Amino acid sequence: MSHANVILVDDHPLFRRGVAELLQDSDRFTVVAEFDGPAGVLERIDRTPPDLLLLDLQMHDSNGLELLQSIKAAHADIPVVMLTASDDPAHLMEALRLGAEGYLLKDTDPELMLTRLGAVLDGHMGLDEEMLLLLREGLRQQGETTDTHSTPAAAPADDRWYEVLTDRERETLVWISRGLSNKLIARELGISDSTVKVYVKSLLRKLNLHSRLELAAWVHNHPLPEVTPC
């Protein structure tokens, strides 16, 4: 198995060193650059894009979410996993909305962290059950604000919500709930990546959600009846 080149951005030296050593001691990751803040990160990525970027959510005098947005604007294909001490559903929701592929708490068990990061490289989501529960809470809070704010409505509460979906959209949703990336879903369904993107956009529109991870959390909490991907 080839090593994945990783860039690590975190302003806590001891934590950064610990994560770097954990990754270096594994058989899959090589830390090629470390930063204690956003300065220089984009220039380094422009010069040599990594296979994975690990990003602290809250750093001294800087916001990891702002850096995430800048990275995704220039390099949407680089997987970014947030490493954070924050279990605030709003932070999780915003990170996912901006395109993060994963969200891991800093106290995550080291072996589990390696497993989650490996899953992201394989095209799966970097969320565990705890983060899915946190995402559900974020969706609930979002739904509670729709009567007084102009944000998009939460996904429909109707028990037969799935009837607005086509068969292909339902199949796509099941694969999303199992953590597959667009590329892997395309392989399973025998269609192109671009067609999967069309289905995902349609699902987001019909269910009034913002990201594929919100879709995964929604179907995890409201399973589709007797749907098995072909």
Protein backbone atom coordinates (compact mmCIF):
# COMPACT_ATOMS: atom_id res chain seq x y z
CA MET A 1 0.00 0.00 0.00
CA SER A 2 1.50 3.35 -1.04
CA HIS A 3 1.86 6.13 1.49
CA ALA A 4 -0.48 9.11 1.37
CA ASN A 5 1.17 12.51 1.68
CA VAL A 6 -0.40 14.53 4.49
CA ILE A 7 -0.24 18.21 5.45
CA LEU A 8 -1.00 18.96 9.10
CA VAL A 9 -2.21 22.39 10.25
CA ASP A 10 -2.57 22.89 14.03
CA ASP A 11 -1.35 25.58 16.41
CA HIS A 12 -0.73 23.25 19.38
CA PRO A 13 2.88 21.97 19.06
CA LEU A 14 2.48 18.94 21.32
CA PHE A 15 -0.74 17.80 19.67
CA ARG A 16 0.68 18.40 16.20
CA ARG A 17 3.80 16.41 17.07
CA GLY A 18 1.71 13.56 18.48
CA VAL A 19 -0.48 13.35 15.37
CA ALA A 20 2.56 13.57 13.10
CA GLU A 21 4.27 10.70 14.97
CA LEU A 22 1.07 8.64 14.87
CA LEU A 23 0.82 9.09 11.12
CA GLN A 24 4.53 8.52 10.47
CA ASP A 25 4.47 5.27 12.47
CA SER A 26 1.56 3.94 10.41
CA ASP A 27 1.99 2.02 7.17
CA ARG A 28 -0.13 4.44 5.14
CA PHE A 29 0.66 8.09 5.90
CA THR A 30 3.65 10.37 5.40
CA VAL A 31 3.56 13.88 6.87
CA VAL A 32 5.18 16.11 4.25
CA ALA A 33 4.53 19.50 5.87
CA GLU A 34 3.37 21.00 9.17
CA PHE A 35 1.96 24.47 9.83
CA ASP A 36 0.94 26.25 13.04
CA GLY A 37 -1.55 28.46 11.21
CA PRO A 38 -2.88 29.37 7.78
CA ALA A 39 0.20 31.34 6.66
CA GLY A 40 1.90 29.52 3.81
CA VAL A 41 -0.58 26.65 3.59
CA LEU A 42 -2.19 27.64 0.29
CA GLU A 43 1.20 28.35 -1.31
CA ARG A 44 2.42 24.89 -0.24
CA ILE A 45 -0.72 23.23 -1.60
CA ASP A 46 -0.45 25.12 -4.89
CA ARG A 47 3.12 23.91 -5.25
CA THR A 48 2.53 20.26 -4.34
CA PRO A 49 -1.05 19.18 -3.49
CA PRO A 50 -1.21 16.56 -0.70
CA ASP A 51 -3.36 13.45 -0.67
CA LEU A 52 -4.95 14.58 2.60
CA LEU A 53 -5.00 17.73 4.73
CA LEU A 54 -5.69 17.72 8.47
CA LEU A 55 -6.89 21.08 9.74
CA ASP A 56 -7.48 22.46 13.23
CA LEU A 57 -10.84 24.18 13.53
CA GLN A 58 -9.86 26.90 15.99
CA MET A 59 -6.35 28.37 16.03
CA HIS A 60 -4.90 31.47 17.67
CA ASP A 61 -5.97 34.55 15.71
CA SER A 62 -7.29 32.44 12.85
CA ASN A 63 -10.31 30.38 11.87
CA GLY A 64 -9.79 26.96 10.36
CA LEU A 65 -13.14 27.23 8.58
CA GLU A 66 -11.93 30.26 6.64
CA LEU A 67 -8.84 28.34 5.54
CA LEU A 68 -11.04 25.35 4.64
CA GLN A 69 -13.15 27.58 2.40
CA SER A 70 -10.06 28.96 0.66
CA ILE A 71 -8.59 25.49 0.15
CA LYS A 72 -11.81 24.09 -1.31
CA ALA A 73 -12.19 27.11 -3.61
CA ALA A 74 -8.77 26.43 -5.13
CA HIS A 75 -8.46 22.64 -4.70
CA ALA A 76 -11.90 21.08 -4.28
CA ASP A 77 -10.51 17.58 -4.83
CA ILE A 78 -8.14 17.61 -1.83
CA PRO A 79 -9.76 15.75 1.09
CA VAL A 80 -9.80 17.87 4.25
CA VAL A 81 -10.49 16.45 7.71
CA MET A 82 -11.10 18.81 10.61
CA LEU A 83 -9.31 17.93 13.86
CA THR A 84 -10.98 19.78 16.71
CA ALA A 85 -11.93 19.88 20.35
CA SER A 86 -15.32 21.37 19.46
CA ASP A 87 -18.40 19.18 19.65
CA ASP A 88 -20.65 22.13 18.75
CA PRO A 89 -23.17 20.94 16.12
CA ALA A 90 -22.97 24.36 14.44
CA HIS A 91 -19.22 23.94 13.86
CA LEU A 92 -19.74 20.48 12.42
CA MET A 93 -22.53 21.69 10.13
CA GLU A 94 -20.48 24.62 8.86
CA ALA A 95 -17.41 22.46 8.22
CA LEU A 96 -19.48 20.00 6.20
CA ARG A 97 -21.20 22.80 4.32
CA LEU A 98 -17.82 24.17 3.31
CA GLY A 99 -16.75 20.79 1.96
CA ALA A 100 -14.85 18.98 4.72
CA GLU A 101 -14.69 15.23 4.18
CA GLY A 102 -14.36 14.45 7.85
CA TYR A 103 -14.65 15.84 11.37
CA LEU A 104 -12.74 14.17 14.18
CA LEU A 105 -12.46 15.18 17.82
CA LYS A 106 -8.94 15.54 19.17
CA ASP A 107 -9.59 12.97 21.88
CA THR A 108 -10.45 10.29 19.29
CA ASP A 109 -8.68 6.99 19.97
CA PRO A 110 -5.45 6.97 17.89
CA GLU A 111 -6.24 3.70 16.13
CA LEU A 112 -9.76 4.89 15.33
CA MET A 113 -8.31 8.13 13.98
CA LEU A 114 -6.08 6.17 11.61
CA THR A 115 -9.06 4.08 10.54
CA ARG A 116 -11.20 7.15 9.84
CA LEU A 117 -8.44 8.89 7.90
CA GLY A 118 -7.88 5.74 5.85
CA ALA A 119 -11.59 5.62 5.11
CA VAL A 120 -11.46 9.19 3.79
CA LEU A 121 -8.63 8.25 1.45
CA ASP A 122 -10.72 5.33 0.23
CA GLY A 123 -13.58 7.68 -0.62
CA HIS A 124 -15.68 7.20 2.51
CA MET A 125 -16.81 9.73 5.10
CA GLY A 126 -14.63 10.59 8.07
CA LEU A 127 -17.44 10.52 10.62
CA ASP A 128 -18.10 8.07 13.41
CA GLU A 129 -21.41 7.33 15.16
CA GLU A 130 -20.81 10.12 17.67
CA MET A 131 -20.41 12.66 14.86
CA LEU A 132 -23.53 11.39 13.10
CA LEU A 133 -25.45 11.98 16.32
CA LEU A 134 -23.95 15.46 16.49
CA LEU A 135 -24.98 16.07 12.89
CA ARG A 136 -28.53 14.99 13.67
CA GLU A 137 -28.59 17.49 16.53
CA GLY A 138 -27.41 20.18 14.15
CA LEU A 139 -30.17 19.31 11.69
CA ARG A 140 -32.70 19.43 14.53
CA GLN A 141 -31.51 22.85 15.63
CA GLN A 142 -31.59 24.05 12.04
CA GLY A 143 -35.18 22.88 11.72
CA GLU A 144 -36.18 24.76 14.86
CA THR A 145 -34.97 28.05 13.37
CA THR A 146 -36.76 27.85 10.03
CA ASP A 147 -39.91 29.57 11.30
CA THR A 148 -38.02 32.72 12.27
CA HIS A 149 -35.06 32.78 9.89
CA SER A 150 -34.69 32.73 6.13
CA THR A 151 -32.49 29.63 6.06
CA PRO A 152 -33.53 26.64 3.92
CA ALA A 153 -36.09 24.34 5.50
CA ALA A 154 -35.01 21.17 7.22
CA ALA A 155 -35.62 17.88 5.46
CA PRO A 156 -39.31 16.89 5.32
CA ALA A 157 -40.79 15.25 8.40
CA ASP A 158 -43.42 13.33 6.41
CA ASP A 159 -43.01 9.57 6.92
CA ARG A 160 -43.36 9.08 3.16
CA TRP A 161 -40.71 11.67 2.28
CA TYR A 162 -38.94 9.18 0.03
CA GLU A 163 -41.81 9.14 -2.49
CA VAL A 164 -40.48 12.33 -4.10
CA LEU A 165 -37.29 10.47 -5.07
CA THR A 166 -36.67 8.48 -8.23
CA ASP A 167 -35.41 4.89 -7.98
CA ARG A 168 -31.89 6.00 -8.94
CA GLU A 169 -31.95 8.77 -6.36
CA ARG A 170 -32.98 6.27 -3.68
CA GLU A 171 -30.16 3.93 -4.67
CA THR A 172 -27.70 6.81 -4.60
CA LEU A 173 -28.95 7.86 -1.17
CA VAL A 174 -28.43 4.36 0.23
CA TRP A 175 -24.84 4.30 -1.03
CA ILE A 176 -24.24 7.77 0.43
CA SER A 177 -25.55 6.52 3.79
CA ARG A 178 -22.97 3.73 3.62
CA GLY A 179 -20.19 6.29 3.25
CA LEU A 180 -19.29 5.88 -0.42
CA SER A 181 -17.82 8.72 -2.46
CA ASN A 182 -19.25 9.79 -5.83
CA LYS A 183 -16.54 7.80 -7.60
CA LEU A 184 -17.37 4.60 -5.71
CA ILE A 185 -21.13 5.12 -6.16
CA ALA A 186 -20.60 5.55 -9.89
CA ARG A 187 -18.70 2.27 -9.96
CA GLU A 188 -21.47 0.45 -8.07
CA LEU A 189 -24.24 1.83 -10.30
CA GLY A 190 -22.31 1.56 -13.57
CA ILE A 191 -22.70 5.26 -14.36
CA SER A 192 -20.39 8.27 -14.60
CA ASP A 193 -19.20 10.46 -11.74
CA SER A 194 -20.97 13.43 -13.30
CA THR A 195 -24.30 11.56 -13.31
CA VAL A 196 -23.89 10.77 -9.62
CA LYS A 197 -23.28 14.47 -8.98
CA VAL A 198 -26.58 15.23 -10.71
CA TYR A 199 -28.39 12.75 -8.44
CA VAL A 200 -26.71 14.21 -5.34
CA LYS A 201 -27.69 17.77 -6.29
CA SER A 202 -31.25 16.61 -6.90
CA LEU A 203 -31.36 14.87 -3.50
CA LEU A 204 -30.09 17.97 -1.75
CA ARG A 205 -32.69 20.10 -3.49
CA LYS A 206 -35.61 17.75 -2.84
CA LEU A 207 -34.71 17.19 0.81
CA ASN A 208 -33.62 20.79 1.50
CA LEU A 209 -30.21 19.77 2.84
CA HIS A 210 -26.76 21.22 2.28
CA SER A 211 -24.23 18.39 1.98
CA ARG A 212 -23.87 14.69 1.28
CA LEU A 213 -23.03 14.12 4.93
CA GLU A 214 -26.31 15.70 5.94
CA LEU A 215 -27.97 13.29 3.50
CA ALA A 216 -26.19 10.41 5.21
CA ALA A 217 -27.34 11.58 8.63
CA TRP A 218 -30.90 12.04 7.39
CA VAL A 219 -31.28 8.54 5.92
CA HIS A 220 -29.48 7.09 8.96
CA ASN A 221 -32.26 8.52 11.10
CA HIS A 222 -35.08 7.92 8.58
CA PRO A 223 -34.26 4.66 6.75
CA LEU A 224 -35.59 4.09 3.28
CA PRO A 225 -38.11 1.21 3.28
CA GLU A 226 -36.89 -2.00 1.63
CA VAL A 227 -34.35 -0.32 -0.62
CA THR A 228 -31.35 -2.33 -1.71
CA PRO A 229 -28.87 -0.84 -4.20
CA CYS A 230 -28.66 -2.74 -7.46
